[in-house]
Amino acid sequence: MKSNAGCWTLPAAAPLIAILWLTAFGMASSDGQATCPPVVEYSAADQTRAADAADALPEGAMVVRMLSDYAVLRDQTRVCSR
Protein backbone atom coordinates (compact mmCIF):
# COMPACT_ATOMS: atom_id res chain seq x y z
CA MET A 1 0.00 0.00 0.00
CA LYS A 2 1.33 3.42 -0.94
CA SER A 3 1.73 5.93 1.89
CA ASN A 4 0.01 9.29 1.58
CA ALA A 5 2.09 10.88 4.36
CA GLY A 6 3.86 13.07 1.79
CA CYS A 7 0.54 14.65 0.84
CA TRP A 8 0.27 16.26 4.25
CA THR A 9 3.73 17.81 4.50
CA LEU A 10 4.22 21.51 3.85
CA PRO A 11 6.26 22.54 0.84
CA ALA A 12 9.81 23.60 1.66
CA ALA A 13 8.99 27.23 0.85
CA ALA A 14 6.04 27.41 3.27
CA PRO A 15 8.08 28.54 6.32
CA LEU A 16 9.78 31.24 4.23
CA ILE A 17 6.45 32.47 2.89
CA ALA A 18 5.03 32.58 6.42
CA ILE A 19 8.00 34.59 7.70
CA LEU A 20 7.76 37.07 4.82
CA TRP A 21 4.03 37.43 5.35
CA LEU A 22 4.46 38.05 9.07
CA THR A 23 7.25 40.59 8.57
CA ALA A 24 4.90 42.65 6.42
CA PHE A 25 3.09 43.54 9.62
CA GLY A 26 6.32 45.02 10.96
CA MET A 27 6.47 47.49 8.08
CA ALA A 28 3.97 49.88 9.66
CA SER A 29 4.77 52.31 12.43
CA SER A 30 2.69 52.62 15.57
CA ASP A 31 0.58 55.36 13.99
CA GLY A 32 -0.43 53.02 11.15
CA GLN A 33 1.66 54.65 8.42
CA ALA A 34 4.25 52.78 6.41
CA THR A 35 7.84 53.04 7.57
CA CYS A 36 9.99 54.30 4.71
CA PRO A 37 13.66 53.43 4.41
CA PRO A 38 16.06 56.38 4.25
CA VAL A 39 17.29 57.54 0.86
CA VAL A 40 21.07 57.76 0.71
CA GLU A 41 22.17 61.05 -0.78
CA TYR A 42 25.15 61.04 -3.17
CA SER A 43 27.35 64.05 -3.90
CA ALA A 44 27.42 65.54 -7.38
CA ALA A 45 30.95 64.16 -7.81
CA ASP A 46 29.78 60.65 -6.88
CA GLN A 47 26.87 60.91 -9.33
CA THR A 48 29.21 62.04 -12.09
CA ARG A 49 31.58 59.13 -11.43
CA ALA A 50 28.65 56.68 -11.48
CA ALA A 51 27.34 58.13 -14.75
CA ASP A 52 30.79 57.89 -16.33
CA ALA A 53 31.10 54.27 -15.19
CA ALA A 54 27.64 53.44 -16.59
CA ASP A 55 28.50 55.12 -19.91
CA ALA A 56 31.62 52.96 -20.18
CA LEU A 57 29.55 49.75 -20.01
CA PRO A 58 28.76 47.87 -23.22
CA GLU A 59 25.43 48.52 -24.94
CA GLY A 60 22.64 46.50 -23.34
CA ALA A 61 24.55 45.77 -20.11
CA MET A 62 22.27 44.29 -17.46
CA VAL A 63 23.75 46.57 -14.81
CA VAL A 64 22.33 49.61 -16.61
CA ARG A 65 18.83 48.11 -16.44
CA MET A 66 19.33 47.35 -12.75
CA LEU A 67 20.46 50.93 -12.10
CA SER A 68 17.31 52.15 -13.82
CA ASP A 69 15.20 49.96 -11.51
CA TYR A 70 17.15 51.31 -8.54
CA ALA A 71 16.37 54.88 -9.61
CA VAL A 72 12.65 54.05 -9.66
CA LEU A 73 12.89 52.57 -6.15
CA ARG A 74 14.67 55.70 -4.90
CA ASP A 75 11.91 57.88 -6.37
CA GLN A 76 9.23 55.72 -4.72
CA THR A 77 11.04 55.92 -1.40
CA ARG A 78 11.21 59.70 -1.62
CA VAL A 79 7.43 59.84 -2.17
CA CYS A 80 6.88 57.43 0.71
CA SER A 81 8.87 59.56 3.17
CA ARG A 82 6.86 62.75 2.52
PDB file of N, CA and C in Angstrom:
ATOM      1  N   MET A   1       0.845  -1.175   0.000  1.00  0.00           N
ATOM      2  CA  MET A   1       0.000   0.000   0.000  1.00  0.00           C
ATOM      3  C   MET A   1       0.892   1.240   0.000  1.00  0.00           C
ATOM      4  N   LYS A   2       0.547   2.195  -0.815  1.00  0.00           N
ATOM      5  CA  LYS A   2       1.328   3.421  -0.940  1.00  0.00           C
ATOM      6  C   LYS A   2       0.949   4.388   0.184  1.00  0.00           C
ATOM      7  N   SER A   3       1.961   4.985   0.801  1.00  0.00           N
ATOM      8  CA  SER A   3       1.731   5.930   1.889  1.00  0.00           C
ATOM      9  C   SER A   3       1.331   7.290   1.329  1.00  0.00           C
ATOM     10  N   ASN A   4       0.403   7.940   1.983  1.00  0.00           N
ATOM     11  CA  ASN A   4       0.013   9.288   1.584  1.00  0.00           C
ATOM     12  C   ASN A   4       0.553  10.329   2.563  1.00  0.00           C
ATOM     13  N   ALA A   5       1.541   9.964   3.373  1.00  0.00           N
ATOM     14  CA  ALA A   5       2.095  10.883   4.362  1.00  0.00           C
ATOM     15  C   ALA A   5       2.704  12.112   3.693  1.00  0.00           C
ATOM     16  N   GLY A   6       3.263  11.941   2.503  1.00  0.00           N
ATOM     17  CA  GLY A   6       3.858  13.066   1.791  1.00  0.00           C
ATOM     18  C   GLY A   6       2.838  14.100   1.354  1.00  0.00           C
ATOM     19  N   CYS A   7       1.585  13.709   1.259  1.00  0.00           N
ATOM     20  CA  CYS A   7       0.541  14.648   0.845  1.00  0.00           C
ATOM     21  C   CYS A   7       0.257  15.689   1.917  1.00  0.00           C
ATOM     22  N   TRP A   8       0.610  15.384   3.137  1.00  0.00           N
ATOM     23  CA  TRP A   8       0.268  16.264   4.246  1.00  0.00           C
ATOM     24  C   TRP A   8       1.457  17.093   4.733  1.00  0.00           C
ATOM     25  N   THR A   9       2.592  17.005   4.073  1.00  0.00           N
ATOM     26  CA  THR A   9       3.734  17.813   4.495  1.00  0.00           C
ATOM     27  C   THR A   9       3.715  19.148   3.757  1.00  0.00           C
ATOM     28  N   LEU A  10       4.161  20.182   4.453  1.00  0.00           N
ATOM     29  CA  LEU A  10       4.215  21.507   3.852  1.00  0.00           C
ATOM     30  C   LEU A  10       5.335  21.573   2.833  1.00  0.00           C
ATOM     31  N   PRO A  11       5.164  22.355   1.790  1.00  0.00           N
ATOM     32  CA  PRO A  11       6.259  22.542   0.841  1.00  0.00           C
ATOM     33  C   PRO A  11       7.429  23.229   1.546  1.00  0.00           C
ATOM     34  N   ALA A  12       8.621  23.045   1.030  1.00  0.00           N
ATOM     35  CA  ALA A  12       9.812  23.601   1.659  1.00  0.00           C
ATOM     36  C   ALA A  12       9.749  25.122   1.757  1.00  0.00           C
ATOM     37  N   ALA A  13       9.057  25.771   0.850  1.00  0.00           N
ATOM     38  CA  ALA A  13       8.989  27.231   0.854  1.00  0.00           C
ATOM     39  C   ALA A  13       7.957  27.775   1.838  1.00  0.00           C
ATOM     40  N   ALA A  14       7.115  26.940   2.394  1.00  0.00           N
ATOM     41  CA  ALA A  14       6.042  27.412   3.265  1.00  0.00           C
ATOM     42  C   ALA A  14       6.559  28.195   4.471  1.00  0.00           C
ATOM     43  N   PRO A  15       7.598  27.735   5.185  1.00  0.00           N
ATOM     44  CA  PRO A  15       8.079  28.543   6.316  1.00  0.00           C
ATOM     45  C   PRO A  15       8.593  29.919   5.868  1.00  0.00           C
ATOM     46  N   LEU A  16       9.276  29.970   4.741  1.00  0.00           N
ATOM     47  CA  LEU A  16       9.775  31.241   4.234  1.00  0.00           C
ATOM     48  C   LEU A  16       8.628  32.177   3.887  1.00  0.00           C
ATOM     49  N   ILE A  17       7.613  31.655   3.239  1.00  0.00           N
ATOM     50  CA  ILE A  17       6.446  32.471   2.886  1.00  0.00           C
ATOM     51  C   ILE A  17       5.767  33.002   4.150  1.00  0.00           C
ATOM     52  N   ALA A  18       5.650  32.159   5.162  1.00  0.00           N
ATOM     53  CA  ALA A  18       5.027  32.585   6.420  1.00  0.00           C
ATOM     54  C   ALA A  18       5.833  33.694   7.087  1.00  0.00           C
ATOM     55  N   ILE A  19       7.155  33.570   7.089  1.00  0.00           N
ATOM     56  CA  ILE A  19       7.999  34.592   7.696  1.00  0.00           C
ATOM     57  C   ILE A  19       7.870  35.910   6.940  1.00  0.00           C
ATOM     58  N   LEU A  20       7.895  35.854   5.614  1.00  0.00           N
ATOM     59  CA  LEU A  20       7.759  37.072   4.823  1.00  0.00           C
ATOM     60  C   LEU A  20       6.397  37.715   5.035  1.00  0.00           C
ATOM     61  N   TRP A  21       5.377  36.905   5.135  1.00  0.00           N
ATOM     62  CA  TRP A  21       4.034  37.426   5.350  1.00  0.00           C
ATOM     63  C   TRP A  21       3.936  38.105   6.710  1.00  0.00           C
ATOM     64  N   LEU A  22       4.515  37.479   7.727  1.00  0.00           N
ATOM     65  CA  LEU A  22       4.463  38.053   9.067  1.00  0.00           C
ATOM     66  C   LEU A  22       5.300  39.323   9.185  1.00  0.00           C
ATOM     67  N   THR A  23       6.424  39.391   8.485  1.00  0.00           N
ATOM     68  CA  THR A  23       7.249  40.593   8.567  1.00  0.00           C
ATOM     69  C   THR A  23       6.579  41.776   7.900  1.00  0.00           C
ATOM     70  N   ALA A  24       5.627  41.543   7.036  1.00  0.00           N
ATOM     71  CA  ALA A  24       4.901  42.652   6.415  1.00  0.00           C
ATOM     72  C   ALA A  24       4.169  43.463   7.469  1.00  0.00           C
ATOM     73  N   PHE A  25       3.767  42.820   8.551  1.00  0.00           N
ATOM     74  CA  PHE A  25       3.095  43.545   9.617  1.00  0.00           C
ATOM     75  C   PHE A  25       4.051  44.481  10.335  1.00  0.00           C
ATOM     76  N   GLY A  26       5.324  44.174  10.314  1.00  0.00           N
ATOM     77  CA  GLY A  26       6.315  45.021  10.957  1.00  0.00           C
ATOM     78  C   GLY A  26       6.682  46.235  10.137  1.00  0.00           C
ATOM     79  N   MET A  27       6.133  46.380   8.950  1.00  0.00           N
ATOM     80  CA  MET A  27       6.471  47.490   8.076  1.00  0.00           C
ATOM     81  C   MET A  27       5.696  48.761   8.410  1.00  0.00           C
ATOM     82  N   ALA A  28       4.745  48.691   9.304  1.00  0.00           N
ATOM     83  CA  ALA A  28       3.971  49.876   9.662  1.00  0.00           C
ATOM     84  C   ALA A  28       4.432  50.404  11.009  1.00  0.00           C
ATOM     85  N   SER A  29       4.406  51.706  11.166  1.00  0.00           N
ATOM     86  CA  SER A  29       4.770  52.311  12.434  1.00  0.00           C
ATOM     87  C   SER A  29       3.571  52.255  13.372  1.00  0.00           C
ATOM     88  N   SER A  30       3.763  52.707  14.595  1.00  0.00           N
ATOM     89  CA  SER A  30       2.691  52.619  15.575  1.00  0.00           C
ATOM     90  C   SER A  30       1.494  53.493  15.220  1.00  0.00           C
ATOM     91  N   ASP A  31       1.710  54.517  14.379  1.00  0.00           N
ATOM     92  CA  ASP A  31       0.580  55.364  13.991  1.00  0.00           C
ATOM     93  C   ASP A  31      -0.140  54.840  12.752  1.00  0.00           C
ATOM     94  N   GLY A  32       0.257  53.658  12.258  1.00  0.00           N
ATOM     95  CA  GLY A  32      -0.426  53.021  11.148  1.00  0.00           C
ATOM     96  C   GLY A  32       0.116  53.372   9.784  1.00  0.00           C
ATOM     97  N   GLN A  33       1.092  54.283   9.710  1.00  0.00           N
ATOM     98  CA  GLN A  33       1.657  54.648   8.420  1.00  0.00           C
ATOM     99  C   GLN A  33       2.858  53.761   8.112  1.00  0.00           C
ATOM    100  N   ALA A  34       3.125  53.606   6.842  1.00  0.00           N
ATOM    101  CA  ALA A  34       4.250  52.777   6.414  1.00  0.00           C
ATOM    102  C   ALA A  34       5.564  53.418   6.848  1.00  0.00           C
ATOM    103  N   THR A  35       6.514  52.581   7.225  1.00  0.00           N
ATOM    104  CA  THR A  35       7.843  53.041   7.571  1.00  0.00           C
ATOM    105  C   THR A  35       8.681  53.030   6.298  1.00  0.00           C
ATOM    106  N   CYS A  36       9.222  54.174   5.937  1.00  0.00           N
ATOM    107  CA  CYS A  36       9.987  54.301   4.707  1.00  0.00           C
ATOM    108  C   CYS A  36      11.478  54.219   5.010  1.00  0.00           C
ATOM    109  N   PRO A  37      12.214  53.478   4.209  1.00  0.00           N
ATOM    110  CA  PRO A  37      13.662  53.434   4.414  1.00  0.00           C
ATOM    111  C   PRO A  37      14.280  54.775   4.021  1.00  0.00           C
ATOM    112  N   PRO A  38      15.418  55.118   4.619  1.00  0.00           N
ATOM    113  CA  PRO A  38      16.057  56.384   4.251  1.00  0.00           C
ATOM    114  C   PRO A  38      16.655  56.307   2.850  1.00  0.00           C
ATOM    115  N   VAL A  39      16.680  57.446   2.173  1.00  0.00           N
ATOM    116  CA  VAL A  39      17.286  57.537   0.856  1.00  0.00           C
ATOM    117  C   VAL A  39      18.697  58.083   1.047  1.00  0.00           C
ATOM    118  N   VAL A  40      19.689  57.323   0.609  1.00  0.00           N
ATOM    119  CA  VAL A  40      21.070  57.756   0.714  1.00  0.00           C
ATOM    120  C   VAL A  40      21.309  58.855  -0.312  1.00  0.00           C
ATOM    121  N   GLU A  41      21.866  59.944   0.126  1.00  0.00           N
ATOM    122  CA  GLU A  41      22.171  61.054  -0.783  1.00  0.00           C
ATOM    123  C   GLU A  41      23.614  60.909  -1.268  1.00  0.00           C
ATOM    124  N   TYR A  42      23.828  61.120  -2.565  1.00  0.00           N
ATOM    125  CA  TYR A  42      25.154  61.040  -3.169  1.00  0.00           C
ATOM    126  C   TYR A  42      25.565  62.433  -3.628  1.00  0.00           C
ATOM    127  N   SER A  43      26.845  62.749  -3.460  1.00  0.00           N
ATOM    128  CA  SER A  43      27.349  64.046  -3.901  1.00  0.00           C
ATOM    129  C   SER A  43      27.314  64.129  -5.422  1.00  0.00           C
ATOM    130  N   ALA A  44      27.408  65.347  -5.927  1.00  0.00           N
ATOM    131  CA  ALA A  44      27.423  65.542  -7.382  1.00  0.00           C
ATOM    132  C   ALA A  44      28.621  64.830  -8.002  1.00  0.00           C
ATOM    133  N   ALA A  45      29.754  64.841  -7.304  1.00  0.00           N
ATOM    134  CA  ALA A  45      30.952  64.156  -7.811  1.00  0.00           C
ATOM    135  C   ALA A  45      30.724  62.645  -7.893  1.00  0.00           C
ATOM    136  N   ASP A  46      30.081  62.085  -6.866  1.00  0.00           N
ATOM    137  CA  ASP A  46      29.783  60.648  -6.884  1.00  0.00           C
ATOM    138  C   ASP A  46      28.828  60.306  -8.024  1.00  0.00           C
ATOM    139  N   GLN A  47      27.829  61.144  -8.249  1.00  0.00           N
ATOM    140  CA  GLN A  47      26.869  60.906  -9.325  1.00  0.00           C
ATOM    141  C   GLN A  47      27.543  60.986 -10.690  1.00  0.00           C
ATOM    142  N   THR A  48      28.476  61.920 -10.837  1.00  0.00           N
ATOM    143  CA  THR A  48      29.210  62.043 -12.094  1.00  0.00           C
ATOM    144  C   THR A  48      30.069  60.814 -12.339  1.00  0.00           C
ATOM    145  N   ARG A  49      30.751  60.345 -11.300  1.00  0.00           N
ATOM    146  CA  ARG A  49      31.578  59.133 -11.428  1.00  0.00           C
ATOM    147  C   ARG A  49      30.724  57.927 -11.804  1.00  0.00           C
ATOM    148  N   ALA A  50      29.548  57.806 -11.182  1.00  0.00           N
ATOM    149  CA  ALA A  50      28.653  56.682 -11.484  1.00  0.00           C
ATOM    150  C   ALA A  50      28.151  56.758 -12.920  1.00  0.00           C
ATOM    151  N   ALA A  51      27.812  57.960 -13.372  1.00  0.00           N
ATOM    152  CA  ALA A  51      27.338  58.134 -14.752  1.00  0.00           C
ATOM    153  C   ALA A  51      28.436  57.790 -15.746  1.00  0.00           C
ATOM    154  N   ASP A  52      29.665  58.216 -15.448  1.00  0.00           N
ATOM    155  CA  ASP A  52      30.790  57.887 -16.325  1.00  0.00           C
ATOM    156  C   ASP A  52      31.020  56.380 -16.386  1.00  0.00           C
ATOM    157  N   ALA A  53      30.919  55.728 -15.236  1.00  0.00           N
ATOM    158  CA  ALA A  53      31.098  54.272 -15.190  1.00  0.00           C
ATOM    159  C   ALA A  53      29.995  53.561 -15.975  1.00  0.00           C
ATOM    160  N   ALA A  54      28.753  54.048 -15.864  1.00  0.00           N
ATOM    161  CA  ALA A  54      27.639  53.441 -16.593  1.00  0.00           C
ATOM    162  C   ALA A  54      27.795  53.661 -18.100  1.00  0.00           C
ATOM    163  N   ASP A  55      28.282  54.834 -18.484  1.00  0.00           N
ATOM    164  CA  ASP A  55      28.497  55.120 -19.906  1.00  0.00           C
ATOM    165  C   ASP A  55      29.578  54.231 -20.511  1.00  0.00           C
ATOM    166  N   ALA A  56      30.517  53.790 -19.693  1.00  0.00           N
ATOM    167  CA  ALA A  56      31.621  52.958 -20.179  1.00  0.00           C
ATOM    168  C   ALA A  56      31.198  51.496 -20.383  1.00  0.00           C
ATOM    169  N   LEU A  57      30.030  51.132 -19.878  1.00  0.00           N
ATOM    170  CA  LEU A  57      29.555  49.755 -20.014  1.00  0.00           C
ATOM    171  C   LEU A  57      29.121  49.482 -21.445  1.00  0.00           C
ATOM    172  N   PRO A  58      29.201  48.209 -21.861  1.00  0.00           N
ATOM    173  CA  PRO A  58      28.758  47.874 -23.224  1.00  0.00           C
ATOM    174  C   PRO A  58      27.247  48.083 -23.393  1.00  0.00           C
ATOM    175  N   GLU A  59      26.844  48.318 -24.612  1.00  0.00           N
ATOM    176  CA  GLU A  59      25.427  48.515 -24.939  1.00  0.00           C
ATOM    177  C   GLU A  59      24.611  47.310 -24.478  1.00  0.00           C
ATOM    178  N   GLY A  60      23.514  47.573 -23.793  1.00  0.00           N
ATOM    179  CA  GLY A  60      22.639  46.498 -23.341  1.00  0.00           C
ATOM    180  C   GLY A  60      23.096  45.803 -22.071  1.00  0.00           C
ATOM    181  N   ALA A  61      24.045  46.389 -21.342  1.00  0.00           N
ATOM    182  CA  ALA A  61      24.546  45.765 -20.109  1.00  0.00           C
ATOM    183  C   ALA A  61      23.415  45.667 -19.084  1.00  0.00           C
ATOM    184  N   MET A  62      23.318  44.535 -18.439  1.00  0.00           N
ATOM    185  CA  MET A  62      22.266  44.293 -17.457  1.00  0.00           C
ATOM    186  C   MET A  62      22.368  45.263 -16.284  1.00  0.00           C
ATOM    187  N   VAL A  63      23.560  45.665 -15.938  1.00  0.00           N
ATOM    188  CA  VAL A  63      23.754  46.566 -14.809  1.00  0.00           C
ATOM    189  C   VAL A  63      23.044  47.896 -15.054  1.00  0.00           C
ATOM    190  N   VAL A  64      23.014  48.361 -16.287  1.00  0.00           N
ATOM    191  CA  VAL A  64      22.335  49.611 -16.613  1.00  0.00           C
ATOM    192  C   VAL A  64      20.842  49.477 -16.352  1.00  0.00           C
ATOM    193  N   ARG A  65      20.263  48.351 -16.711  1.00  0.00           N
ATOM    194  CA  ARG A  65      18.833  48.111 -16.441  1.00  0.00           C
ATOM    195  C   ARG A  65      18.579  48.069 -14.936  1.00  0.00           C
ATOM    196  N   MET A  66      19.484  47.431 -14.203  1.00  0.00           N
ATOM    197  CA  MET A  66      19.331  47.345 -12.754  1.00  0.00           C
ATOM    198  C   MET A  66      19.445  48.732 -12.117  1.00  0.00           C
ATOM    199  N   LEU A  67      20.344  49.567 -12.619  1.00  0.00           N
ATOM    200  CA  LEU A  67      20.461  50.930 -12.105  1.00  0.00           C
ATOM    201  C   LEU A  67      19.189  51.729 -12.372  1.00  0.00           C
ATOM    202  N   SER A  68      18.569  51.496 -13.504  1.00  0.00           N
ATOM    203  CA  SER A  68      17.311  52.153 -13.822  1.00  0.00           C
ATOM    204  C   SER A  68      16.228  51.740 -12.825  1.00  0.00           C
ATOM    205  N   ASP A  69      16.157  50.444 -12.503  1.00  0.00           N
ATOM    206  CA  ASP A  69      15.200  49.960 -11.515  1.00  0.00           C
ATOM    207  C   ASP A  69      15.474  50.585 -10.150  1.00  0.00           C
ATOM    208  N   TYR A  70      16.758  50.713  -9.804  1.00  0.00           N
ATOM    209  CA  TYR A  70      17.150  51.308  -8.538  1.00  0.00           C
ATOM    210  C   TYR A  70      16.700  52.766  -8.475  1.00  0.00           C
ATOM    211  N   ALA A  71      16.803  53.487  -9.573  1.00  0.00           N
ATOM    212  CA  ALA A  71      16.366  54.881  -9.609  1.00  0.00           C
ATOM    213  C   ALA A  71      14.860  54.982  -9.340  1.00  0.00           C
ATOM    214  N   VAL A  72      14.098  54.062  -9.896  1.00  0.00           N
ATOM    215  CA  VAL A  72      12.647  54.052  -9.656  1.00  0.00           C
ATOM    216  C   VAL A  72      12.367  53.798  -8.180  1.00  0.00           C
ATOM    217  N   LEU A  73      13.078  52.857  -7.576  1.00  0.00           N
ATOM    218  CA  LEU A  73      12.887  52.567  -6.149  1.00  0.00           C
ATOM    219  C   LEU A  73      13.231  53.778  -5.292  1.00  0.00           C
ATOM    220  N   ARG A  74      14.297  54.488  -5.655  1.00  0.00           N
ATOM    221  CA  ARG A  74      14.667  55.698  -4.905  1.00  0.00           C
ATOM    222  C   ARG A  74      13.566  56.753  -5.012  1.00  0.00           C
ATOM    223  N   ASP A  75      12.996  56.920  -6.190  1.00  0.00           N
ATOM    224  CA  ASP A  75      11.906  57.878  -6.366  1.00  0.00           C
ATOM    225  C   ASP A  75      10.683  57.480  -5.536  1.00  0.00           C
ATOM    226  N   GLN A  76      10.361  56.194  -5.511  1.00  0.00           N
ATOM    227  CA  GLN A  76       9.230  55.716  -4.722  1.00  0.00           C
ATOM    228  C   GLN A  76       9.478  55.925  -3.236  1.00  0.00           C
ATOM    229  N   THR A  77      10.704  55.735  -2.798  1.00  0.00           N
ATOM    230  CA  THR A  77      11.038  55.925  -1.395  1.00  0.00           C
ATOM    231  C   THR A  77      10.930  57.399  -1.005  1.00  0.00           C
ATOM    232  N   ARG A  78      11.343  58.270  -1.890  1.00  0.00           N
ATOM    233  CA  ARG A  78      11.210  59.703  -1.619  1.00  0.00           C
ATOM    234  C   ARG A  78       9.733  60.086  -1.433  1.00  0.00           C
ATOM    235  N   VAL A  79       8.869  59.562  -2.278  1.00  0.00           N
ATOM    236  CA  VAL A  79       7.429  59.844  -2.170  1.00  0.00           C
ATOM    237  C   VAL A  79       6.893  59.270  -0.862  1.00  0.00           C
ATOM    238  N   CYS A  80       7.330  58.107  -0.498  1.00  0.00           N
ATOM    239  CA  CYS A  80       6.880  57.431   0.713  1.00  0.00           C
ATOM    240  C   CYS A  80       7.239  58.239   1.965  1.00  0.00           C
ATOM    241  N   SER A  81       8.399  58.877   1.962  1.00  0.00           N
ATOM    242  CA  SER A  81       8.872  59.559   3.166  1.00  0.00           C
ATOM    243  C   SER A  81       8.288  60.960   3.327  1.00  0.00           C
ATOM    244  N   ARG A  82       7.476  61.403   2.391  1.00  0.00           N
ATOM    245  CA  ARG A  82       6.862  62.747   2.525  1.00  0.00           C
ATOM    246  C   ARG A  82       5.713  62.743   3.461  1.00  0.00           C
TER     247      ARG A  82
END
